[in-house]
Amino acid sequence: MHKKLLIEQPSLVNRKGPILLHDNDPIYHFFKHLGNFLREKIFRNKEHAVNTFVEFVNSRTPDFYCNGVGTLAKRWKKCIEFNGNYFD
């Protein structure tokens, strides 16, 4: 990815500061499922909320996380192919 950016978008590689990709797809992947898991749960205290979150994280398979990250890589590639222009 870095080599391709260096060729096609050198200004991105040579800039100071972070490059922001406005793409909530993988984040959405995680939080969509977390929201469903937390639906209608009531927390008695902070410890109960933290324990429930840990339960959710531990209940997901490695494939769940790989799919979310894999989607991000595909969308990064698509962003480069479209020269940073909007795509859906």
PDB file of N, CA and C in Angstrom:
ATOM      1  N   MET A   1       0.833  -1.172   0.000  1.00  0.00           N
ATOM      2  CA  MET A   1       0.000   0.000   0.000  1.00  0.00           C
ATOM      3  C   MET A   1       0.886   1.247   0.000  1.00  0.00           C
ATOM      4  N   HIS A   2       1.928   1.259   0.815  1.00  0.00           N
ATOM      5  CA  HIS A   2       2.808   2.426   0.900  1.00  0.00           C
ATOM      6  C   HIS A   2       3.486   2.699  -0.441  1.00  0.00           C
ATOM      7  N   LYS A   3       3.962   1.645  -1.125  1.00  0.00           N
ATOM      8  CA  LYS A   3       4.620   1.823  -2.423  1.00  0.00           C
ATOM      9  C   LYS A   3       3.657   2.405  -3.452  1.00  0.00           C
ATOM     10  N   LYS A   4       2.434   1.899  -3.453  1.00  0.00           N
ATOM     11  CA  LYS A   4       1.443   2.394  -4.406  1.00  0.00           C
ATOM     12  C   LYS A   4       1.101   3.854  -4.122  1.00  0.00           C
ATOM     13  N   LEU A   5       0.977   4.192  -2.837  1.00  0.00           N
ATOM     14  CA  LEU A   5       0.717   5.582  -2.483  1.00  0.00           C
ATOM     15  C   LEU A   5       1.878   6.475  -2.901  1.00  0.00           C
ATOM     16  N   LEU A   6       3.097   5.994  -2.727  1.00  0.00           N
ATOM     17  CA  LEU A   6       4.270   6.778  -3.094  1.00  0.00           C
ATOM     18  C   LEU A   6       4.264   7.124  -4.580  1.00  0.00           C
ATOM     19  N   ILE A   7       3.802   6.195  -5.403  1.00  0.00           N
ATOM     20  CA  ILE A   7       3.747   6.408  -6.850  1.00  0.00           C
ATOM     21  C   ILE A   7       2.552   7.284  -7.237  1.00  0.00           C
ATOM     22  N   GLU A   8       1.374   6.937  -6.703  1.00  0.00           N
ATOM     23  CA  GLU A   8       0.149   7.595  -7.165  1.00  0.00           C
ATOM     24  C   GLU A   8      -0.231   8.848  -6.386  1.00  0.00           C
ATOM     25  N   GLN A   9       0.137   8.923  -5.127  1.00  0.00           N
ATOM     26  CA  GLN A   9      -0.225  10.072  -4.303  1.00  0.00           C
ATOM     27  C   GLN A   9       0.950  10.469  -3.412  1.00  0.00           C
ATOM     28  N   PRO A  10       2.086  10.907  -3.999  1.00  0.00           N
ATOM     29  CA  PRO A  10       3.263  11.221  -3.188  1.00  0.00           C
ATOM     30  C   PRO A  10       2.992  12.296  -2.135  1.00  0.00           C
ATOM     31  N   SER A  11       2.048  13.185  -2.396  1.00  0.00           N
ATOM     32  CA  SER A  11       1.756  14.230  -1.414  1.00  0.00           C
ATOM     33  C   SER A  11       1.203  13.642  -0.119  1.00  0.00           C
ATOM     34  N   LEU A  12       0.534  12.510  -0.215  1.00  0.00           N
ATOM     35  CA  LEU A  12       0.039  11.851   0.993  1.00  0.00           C
ATOM     36  C   LEU A  12       1.173  11.225   1.793  1.00  0.00           C
ATOM     37  N   VAL A  13       2.139  10.650   1.100  1.00  0.00           N
ATOM     38  CA  VAL A  13       3.244   9.968   1.760  1.00  0.00           C
ATOM     39  C   VAL A  13       4.195  10.975   2.386  1.00  0.00           C
ATOM     40  N   ASN A  14       4.421  12.080   1.724  1.00  0.00           N
ATOM     41  CA  ASN A  14       5.403  13.061   2.177  1.00  0.00           C
ATOM     42  C   ASN A  14       4.843  14.096   3.144  1.00  0.00           C
ATOM     43  N   ARG A  15       3.618  14.019   3.500  1.00  0.00           N
ATOM     44  CA  ARG A  15       3.011  15.012   4.379  1.00  0.00           C
ATOM     45  C   ARG A  15       3.320  14.729   5.839  1.00  0.00           C
ATOM     46  N   LYS A  16       3.184  15.739   6.651  1.00  0.00           N
ATOM     47  CA  LYS A  16       3.331  15.569   8.094  1.00  0.00           C
ATOM     48  C   LYS A  16       1.940  15.396   8.678  1.00  0.00           C
ATOM     49  N   GLY A  17       1.827  14.538   9.668  1.00  0.00           N
ATOM     50  CA  GLY A  17       0.545  14.320  10.318  1.00  0.00           C
ATOM     51  C   GLY A  17      -0.166  13.114   9.758  1.00  0.00           C
ATOM     52  N   PRO A  18      -1.280  12.764  10.363  1.00  0.00           N
ATOM     53  CA  PRO A  18      -2.009  11.555   9.967  1.00  0.00           C
ATOM     54  C   PRO A  18      -2.781  11.728   8.664  1.00  0.00           C
ATOM     55  N   ILE A  19      -3.038  10.609   8.029  1.00  0.00           N
ATOM     56  CA  ILE A  19      -3.920  10.564   6.866  1.00  0.00           C
ATOM     57  C   ILE A  19      -5.238   9.992   7.374  1.00  0.00           C
ATOM     58  N   LEU A  20      -6.298  10.728   7.209  1.00  0.00           N
ATOM     59  CA  LEU A  20      -7.589  10.273   7.701  1.00  0.00           C
ATOM     60  C   LEU A  20      -8.390   9.650   6.566  1.00  0.00           C
ATOM     61  N   LEU A  21      -8.887   8.468   6.821  1.00  0.00           N
ATOM     62  CA  LEU A  21      -9.787   7.804   5.887  1.00  0.00           C
ATOM     63  C   LEU A  21     -11.160   7.811   6.535  1.00  0.00           C
ATOM     64  N   HIS A  22     -12.053   8.573   5.979  1.00  0.00           N
ATOM     65  CA  HIS A  22     -13.391   8.681   6.539  1.00  0.00           C
ATOM     66  C   HIS A  22     -14.207   7.477   6.078  1.00  0.00           C
ATOM     67  N   ASP A  23     -14.070   6.419   6.822  1.00  0.00           N
ATOM     68  CA  ASP A  23     -14.714   5.161   6.458  1.00  0.00           C
ATOM     69  C   ASP A  23     -15.085   4.452   7.748  1.00  0.00           C
ATOM     70  N   ASN A  24     -16.337   4.428   8.057  1.00  0.00           N
ATOM     71  CA  ASN A  24     -16.754   3.805   9.308  1.00  0.00           C
ATOM     72  C   ASN A  24     -17.178   2.360   9.129  1.00  0.00           C
ATOM     73  N   ASP A  25     -16.919   1.778   7.970  1.00  0.00           N
ATOM     74  CA  ASP A  25     -17.378   0.410   7.705  1.00  0.00           C
ATOM     75  C   ASP A  25     -16.868  -0.601   8.737  1.00  0.00           C
ATOM     76  N   PRO A  26     -15.535  -0.723   8.990  1.00  0.00           N
ATOM     77  CA  PRO A  26     -15.101  -1.716   9.956  1.00  0.00           C
ATOM     78  C   PRO A  26     -15.496  -1.362  11.376  1.00  0.00           C
ATOM     79  N   ILE A  27     -15.471  -0.083  11.664  1.00  0.00           N
ATOM     80  CA  ILE A  27     -15.944   0.333  12.996  1.00  0.00           C
ATOM     81  C   ILE A  27     -17.417  -0.035  13.106  1.00  0.00           C
ATOM     82  N   TYR A  28     -18.169   0.245  12.054  1.00  0.00           N
ATOM     83  CA  TYR A  28     -19.590  -0.089  12.048  1.00  0.00           C
ATOM     84  C   TYR A  28     -19.766  -1.585  12.259  1.00  0.00           C
ATOM     85  N   HIS A  29     -18.919  -2.390  11.638  1.00  0.00           N
ATOM     86  CA  HIS A  29     -18.976  -3.849  11.782  1.00  0.00           C
ATOM     87  C   HIS A  29     -18.945  -4.233  13.262  1.00  0.00           C
ATOM     88  N   PHE A  30     -17.999  -3.669  14.005  1.00  0.00           N
ATOM     89  CA  PHE A  30     -17.845  -3.996  15.424  1.00  0.00           C
ATOM     90  C   PHE A  30     -19.017  -3.461  16.236  1.00  0.00           C
ATOM     91  N   PHE A  31     -19.305  -2.158  16.077  1.00  0.00           N
ATOM     92  CA  PHE A  31     -20.313  -1.526  16.924  1.00  0.00           C
ATOM     93  C   PHE A  31     -21.732  -1.968  16.595  1.00  0.00           C
ATOM     94  N   LYS A  32     -21.974  -2.344  15.353  1.00  0.00           N
ATOM     95  CA  LYS A  32     -23.300  -2.865  15.008  1.00  0.00           C
ATOM     96  C   LYS A  32     -23.578  -4.120  15.822  1.00  0.00           C
ATOM     97  N   HIS A  33     -22.606  -5.012  15.872  1.00  0.00           N
ATOM     98  CA  HIS A  33     -22.783  -6.252  16.624  1.00  0.00           C
ATOM     99  C   HIS A  33     -22.784  -6.010  18.134  1.00  0.00           C
ATOM    100  N   LEU A  34     -21.944  -5.079  18.585  1.00  0.00           N
ATOM    101  CA  LEU A  34     -21.939  -4.736  20.003  1.00  0.00           C
ATOM    102  C   LEU A  34     -23.290  -4.158  20.408  1.00  0.00           C
ATOM    103  N   GLY A  35     -23.834  -3.276  19.587  1.00  0.00           N
ATOM    104  CA  GLY A  35     -25.150  -2.702  19.878  1.00  0.00           C
ATOM    105  C   GLY A  35     -26.227  -3.751  19.987  1.00  0.00           C
ATOM    106  N   ASN A  36     -26.200  -4.726  19.084  1.00  0.00           N
ATOM    107  CA  ASN A  36     -27.178  -5.819  19.147  1.00  0.00           C
ATOM    108  C   ASN A  36     -26.996  -6.641  20.419  1.00  0.00           C
ATOM    109  N   PHE A  37     -25.742  -6.883  20.799  1.00  0.00           N
ATOM    110  CA  PHE A  37     -25.434  -7.658  22.001  1.00  0.00           C
ATOM    111  C   PHE A  37     -25.915  -6.939  23.261  1.00  0.00           C
ATOM    112  N   LEU A  38     -25.801  -5.615  23.272  1.00  0.00           N
ATOM    113  CA  LEU A  38     -26.162  -4.834  24.454  1.00  0.00           C
ATOM    114  C   LEU A  38     -27.644  -4.474  24.518  1.00  0.00           C
ATOM    115  N   ARG A  39     -28.364  -4.739  23.439  1.00  0.00           N
ATOM    116  CA  ARG A  39     -29.777  -4.360  23.369  1.00  0.00           C
ATOM    117  C   ARG A  39     -30.556  -4.880  24.572  1.00  0.00           C
ATOM    118  N   GLU A  40     -31.276  -3.986  25.195  1.00  0.00           N
ATOM    119  CA  GLU A  40     -32.167  -4.257  26.322  1.00  0.00           C
ATOM    120  C   GLU A  40     -31.449  -4.736  27.591  1.00  0.00           C
ATOM    121  N   LYS A  41     -30.127  -4.586  27.644  1.00  0.00           N
ATOM    122  CA  LYS A  41     -29.405  -4.920  28.866  1.00  0.00           C
ATOM    123  C   LYS A  41     -29.406  -3.691  29.778  1.00  0.00           C
ATOM    124  N   ILE A  42     -29.498  -3.923  31.049  1.00  0.00           N
ATOM    125  CA  ILE A  42     -29.452  -2.854  32.040  1.00  0.00           C
ATOM    126  C   ILE A  42     -28.263  -3.126  32.943  1.00  0.00           C
ATOM    127  N   PHE A  43     -27.444  -2.115  33.160  1.00  0.00           N
ATOM    128  CA  PHE A  43     -26.235  -2.287  33.952  1.00  0.00           C
ATOM    129  C   PHE A  43     -26.434  -1.717  35.344  1.00  0.00           C
ATOM    130  N   ARG A  44     -26.111  -2.519  36.320  1.00  0.00           N
ATOM    131  CA  ARG A  44     -26.248  -2.118  37.720  1.00  0.00           C
ATOM    132  C   ARG A  44     -25.149  -1.150  38.142  1.00  0.00           C
ATOM    133  N   ASN A  45     -23.967  -1.291  37.518  1.00  0.00           N
ATOM    134  CA  ASN A  45     -22.828  -0.454  37.881  1.00  0.00           C
ATOM    135  C   ASN A  45     -21.784  -0.535  36.767  1.00  0.00           C
ATOM    136  N   LYS A  46     -20.690   0.225  36.925  1.00  0.00           N
ATOM    137  CA  LYS A  46     -19.644   0.257  35.918  1.00  0.00           C
ATOM    138  C   LYS A  46     -19.015  -1.115  35.721  1.00  0.00           C
ATOM    139  N   GLU A  47     -18.783  -1.836  36.808  1.00  0.00           N
ATOM    140  CA  GLU A  47     -18.168  -3.166  36.721  1.00  0.00           C
ATOM    141  C   GLU A  47     -19.024  -4.116  35.878  1.00  0.00           C
ATOM    142  N   HIS A  48     -20.319  -4.058  36.050  1.00  0.00           N
ATOM    143  CA  HIS A  48     -21.226  -4.900  35.265  1.00  0.00           C
ATOM    144  C   HIS A  48     -21.146  -4.534  33.784  1.00  0.00           C
ATOM    145  N   ALA A  49     -21.073  -3.242  33.486  1.00  0.00           N
ATOM    146  CA  ALA A  49     -20.960  -2.798  32.092  1.00  0.00           C
ATOM    147  C   ALA A  49     -19.642  -3.279  31.485  1.00  0.00           C
ATOM    148  N   VAL A  50     -18.547  -3.136  32.207  1.00  0.00           N
ATOM    149  CA  VAL A  50     -17.238  -3.574  31.716  1.00  0.00           C
ATOM    150  C   VAL A  50     -17.233  -5.085  31.505  1.00  0.00           C
ATOM    151  N   ASN A  51     -17.763  -5.823  32.450  1.00  0.00           N
ATOM    152  CA  ASN A  51     -17.808  -7.291  32.322  1.00  0.00           C
ATOM    153  C   ASN A  51     -18.638  -7.729  31.122  1.00  0.00           C
ATOM    154  N   THR A  52     -19.719  -7.027  30.853  1.00  0.00           N
ATOM    155  CA  THR A  52     -20.563  -7.357  29.705  1.00  0.00           C
ATOM    156  C   THR A  52     -19.819  -7.062  28.403  1.00  0.00           C
ATOM    157  N   PHE A  53     -19.081  -5.956  28.364  1.00  0.00           N
ATOM    158  CA  PHE A  53     -18.285  -5.639  27.186  1.00  0.00           C
ATOM    159  C   PHE A  53     -17.225  -6.717  26.946  1.00  0.00           C
ATOM    160  N   VAL A  54     -16.537  -7.118  27.992  1.00  0.00           N
ATOM    161  CA  VAL A  54     -15.523  -8.170  27.879  1.00  0.00           C
ATOM    162  C   VAL A  54     -16.165  -9.471  27.412  1.00  0.00           C
ATOM    163  N   GLU A  55     -17.346  -9.760  27.905  1.00  0.00           N
ATOM    164  CA  GLU A  55     -18.079 -10.952  27.467  1.00  0.00           C
ATOM    165  C   GLU A  55     -18.346 -10.903  25.965  1.00  0.00           C
ATOM    166  N   PHE A  56     -18.744  -9.729  25.475  1.00  0.00           N
ATOM    167  CA  PHE A  56     -18.985  -9.581  24.044  1.00  0.00           C
ATOM    168  C   PHE A  56     -17.706  -9.825  23.251  1.00  0.00           C
ATOM    169  N   VAL A  57     -16.622  -9.154  23.638  1.00  0.00           N
ATOM    170  CA  VAL A  57     -15.351  -9.287  22.926  1.00  0.00           C
ATOM    171  C   VAL A  57     -14.910 -10.741  22.886  1.00  0.00           C
ATOM    172  N   ASN A  58     -15.029 -11.430  23.997  1.00  0.00           N
ATOM    173  CA  ASN A  58     -14.608 -12.832  24.070  1.00  0.00           C
ATOM    174  C   ASN A  58     -15.550 -13.783  23.328  1.00  0.00           C
ATOM    175  N   SER A  59     -16.777 -13.347  23.085  1.00  0.00           N
ATOM    176  CA  SER A  59     -17.744 -14.216  22.407  1.00  0.00           C
ATOM    177  C   SER A  59     -17.591 -14.218  20.888  1.00  0.00           C
ATOM    178  N   ARG A  60     -16.824 -13.276  20.353  1.00  0.00           N
ATOM    179  CA  ARG A  60     -16.610 -13.199  18.907  1.00  0.00           C
ATOM    180  C   ARG A  60     -15.468 -14.116  18.497  1.00  0.00           C
ATOM    181  N   THR A  61     -15.592 -14.708  17.329  1.00  0.00           N
ATOM    182  CA  THR A  61     -14.539 -15.580  16.804  1.00  0.00           C
ATOM    183  C   THR A  61     -13.451 -14.731  16.147  1.00  0.00           C
ATOM    184  N   PRO A  62     -12.265 -15.299  15.958  1.00  0.00           N
ATOM    185  CA  PRO A  62     -11.227 -14.560  15.231  1.00  0.00           C
ATOM    186  C   PRO A  62     -11.691 -14.122  13.838  1.00  0.00           C
ATOM    187  N   ASP A  63     -12.523 -14.928  13.191  1.00  0.00           N
ATOM    188  CA  ASP A  63     -13.035 -14.562  11.865  1.00  0.00           C
ATOM    189  C   ASP A  63     -13.844 -13.266  11.905  1.00  0.00           C
ATOM    190  N   PHE A  64     -14.555 -13.043  12.989  1.00  0.00           N
ATOM    191  CA  PHE A  64     -15.335 -11.813  13.135  1.00  0.00           C
ATOM    192  C   PHE A  64     -14.422 -10.595  13.000  1.00  0.00           C
ATOM    193  N   TYR A  65     -13.298 -10.614  13.707  1.00  0.00           N
ATOM    194  CA  TYR A  65     -12.365  -9.495  13.673  1.00  0.00           C
ATOM    195  C   TYR A  65     -11.636  -9.432  12.335  1.00  0.00           C
ATOM    196  N   CYS A  66     -11.268 -10.577  11.783  1.00  0.00           N
ATOM    197  CA  CYS A  66     -10.589 -10.613  10.476  1.00  0.00           C
ATOM    198  C   CYS A  66     -11.472 -10.034   9.381  1.00  0.00           C
ATOM    199  N   ASN A  67     -12.747 -10.348   9.411  1.00  0.00           N
ATOM    200  CA  ASN A  67     -13.664  -9.820   8.393  1.00  0.00           C
ATOM    201  C   ASN A  67     -13.746  -8.301   8.466  1.00  0.00           C
ATOM    202  N   GLY A  68     -13.807  -7.761   9.673  1.00  0.00           N
ATOM    203  CA  GLY A  68     -13.869  -6.308   9.827  1.00  0.00           C
ATOM    204  C   GLY A  68     -12.607  -5.634   9.329  1.00  0.00           C
ATOM    205  N   VAL A  69     -11.447  -6.174   9.673  1.00  0.00           N
ATOM    206  CA  VAL A  69     -10.173  -5.598   9.238  1.00  0.00           C
ATOM    207  C   VAL A  69      -9.979  -5.820   7.742  1.00  0.00           C
ATOM    208  N   GLY A  70     -10.380  -6.997   7.242  1.00  0.00           N
ATOM    209  CA  GLY A  70     -10.263  -7.290   5.809  1.00  0.00           C
ATOM    210  C   GLY A  70     -11.063  -6.314   4.962  1.00  0.00           C
ATOM    211  N   THR A  71     -12.214  -5.946   5.456  1.00  0.00           N
ATOM    212  CA  THR A  71     -13.039  -4.977   4.741  1.00  0.00           C
ATOM    213  C   THR A  71     -12.336  -3.632   4.666  1.00  0.00           C
ATOM    214  N   LEU A  72     -11.650  -3.247   5.738  1.00  0.00           N
ATOM    215  CA  LEU A  72     -10.926  -1.986   5.735  1.00  0.00           C
ATOM    216  C   LEU A  72      -9.846  -1.974   4.662  1.00  0.00           C
ATOM    217  N   ALA A  73      -9.080  -3.053   4.555  1.00  0.00           N
ATOM    218  CA  ALA A  73      -8.018  -3.127   3.548  1.00  0.00           C
ATOM    219  C   ALA A  73      -8.593  -3.014   2.135  1.00  0.00           C
ATOM    220  N   LYS A  74      -9.711  -3.667   1.888  1.00  0.00           N
ATOM    221  CA  LYS A  74     -10.342  -3.585   0.568  1.00  0.00           C
ATOM    222  C   LYS A  74     -10.784  -2.158   0.262  1.00  0.00           C
ATOM    223  N   ARG A  75     -11.314  -1.479   1.266  1.00  0.00           N
ATOM    224  CA  ARG A  75     -11.792  -0.114   1.051  1.00  0.00           C
ATOM    225  C   ARG A  75     -10.629   0.856   0.890  1.00  0.00           C
ATOM    226  N   TRP A  76      -9.497   0.611   1.568  1.00  0.00           N
ATOM    227  CA  TRP A  76      -8.303   1.426   1.354  1.00  0.00           C
ATOM    228  C   TRP A  76      -7.862   1.324  -0.100  1.00  0.00           C
ATOM    229  N   LYS A  77      -7.835   0.098  -0.614  1.00  0.00           N
ATOM    230  CA  LYS A  77      -7.424  -0.124  -1.994  1.00  0.00           C
ATOM    231  C   LYS A  77      -8.359   0.609  -2.948  1.00  0.00           C
ATOM    232  N   LYS A  78      -9.646   0.518  -2.680  1.00  0.00           N
ATOM    233  CA  LYS A  78     -10.628   1.183  -3.524  1.00  0.00           C
ATOM    234  C   LYS A  78     -10.440   2.701  -3.471  1.00  0.00           C
ATOM    235  N   CYS A  79     -10.120   3.215  -2.297  1.00  0.00           N
ATOM    236  CA  CYS A  79      -9.878   4.651  -2.145  1.00  0.00           C
ATOM    237  C   CYS A  79      -8.709   5.087  -3.020  1.00  0.00           C
ATOM    238  N   ILE A  80      -7.654   4.295  -3.062  1.00  0.00           N
ATOM    239  CA  ILE A  80      -6.496   4.606  -3.893  1.00  0.00           C
ATOM    240  C   ILE A  80      -6.870   4.540  -5.368  1.00  0.00           C
ATOM    241  N   GLU A  81      -7.623   3.500  -5.756  1.00  0.00           N
ATOM    242  CA  GLU A  81      -8.024   3.353  -7.159  1.00  0.00           C
ATOM    243  C   GLU A  81      -8.873   4.523  -7.635  1.00  0.00           C
ATOM    244  N   PHE A  82      -9.646   5.124  -6.726  1.00  0.00           N
ATOM    245  CA  PHE A  82     -10.504   6.249  -7.104  1.00  0.00           C
ATOM    246  C   PHE A  82      -9.847   7.592  -6.791  1.00  0.00           C
ATOM    247  N   ASN A  83      -8.520   7.544  -6.536  1.00  0.00           N
ATOM    248  CA  ASN A  83      -7.748   8.760  -6.242  1.00  0.00           C
ATOM    249  C   ASN A  83      -8.348   9.580  -5.109  1.00  0.00           C
ATOM    250  N   GLY A  84      -8.884   8.902  -4.124  1.00  0.00           N
ATOM    251  CA  GLY A  84      -9.422   9.581  -2.949  1.00  0.00           C
ATOM    252  C   GLY A  84     -10.801  10.160  -3.130  1.00  0.00           C
ATOM    253  N   ASN A  85     -11.390   9.986  -4.310  1.00  0.00           N
ATOM    254  CA  ASN A  85     -12.735  10.497  -4.552  1.00  0.00           C
ATOM    255  C   ASN A  85     -13.763   9.622  -3.862  1.00  0.00           C
ATOM    256  N   TYR A  86     -14.940  10.175  -3.680  1.00  0.00           N
ATOM    257  CA  TYR A  86     -16.020   9.452  -3.013  1.00  0.00           C
ATOM    258  C   TYR A  86     -16.438   8.224  -3.810  1.00  0.00           C
ATOM    259  N   PHE A  87     -16.700   7.159  -3.114  1.00  0.00           N
ATOM    260  CA  PHE A  87     -17.278   5.960  -3.712  1.00  0.00           C
ATOM    261  C   PHE A  87     -18.174   5.323  -2.685  1.00  0.00           C
ATOM    262  N   ASP A  88     -19.068   4.482  -3.129  1.00  0.00           N
ATOM    263  CA  ASP A  88     -19.990   3.831  -2.203  1.00  0.00           C
ATOM    264  C   ASP A  88     -19.846   2.345  -2.268  1.00  0.00           C
TER     265      ASP A  88
END
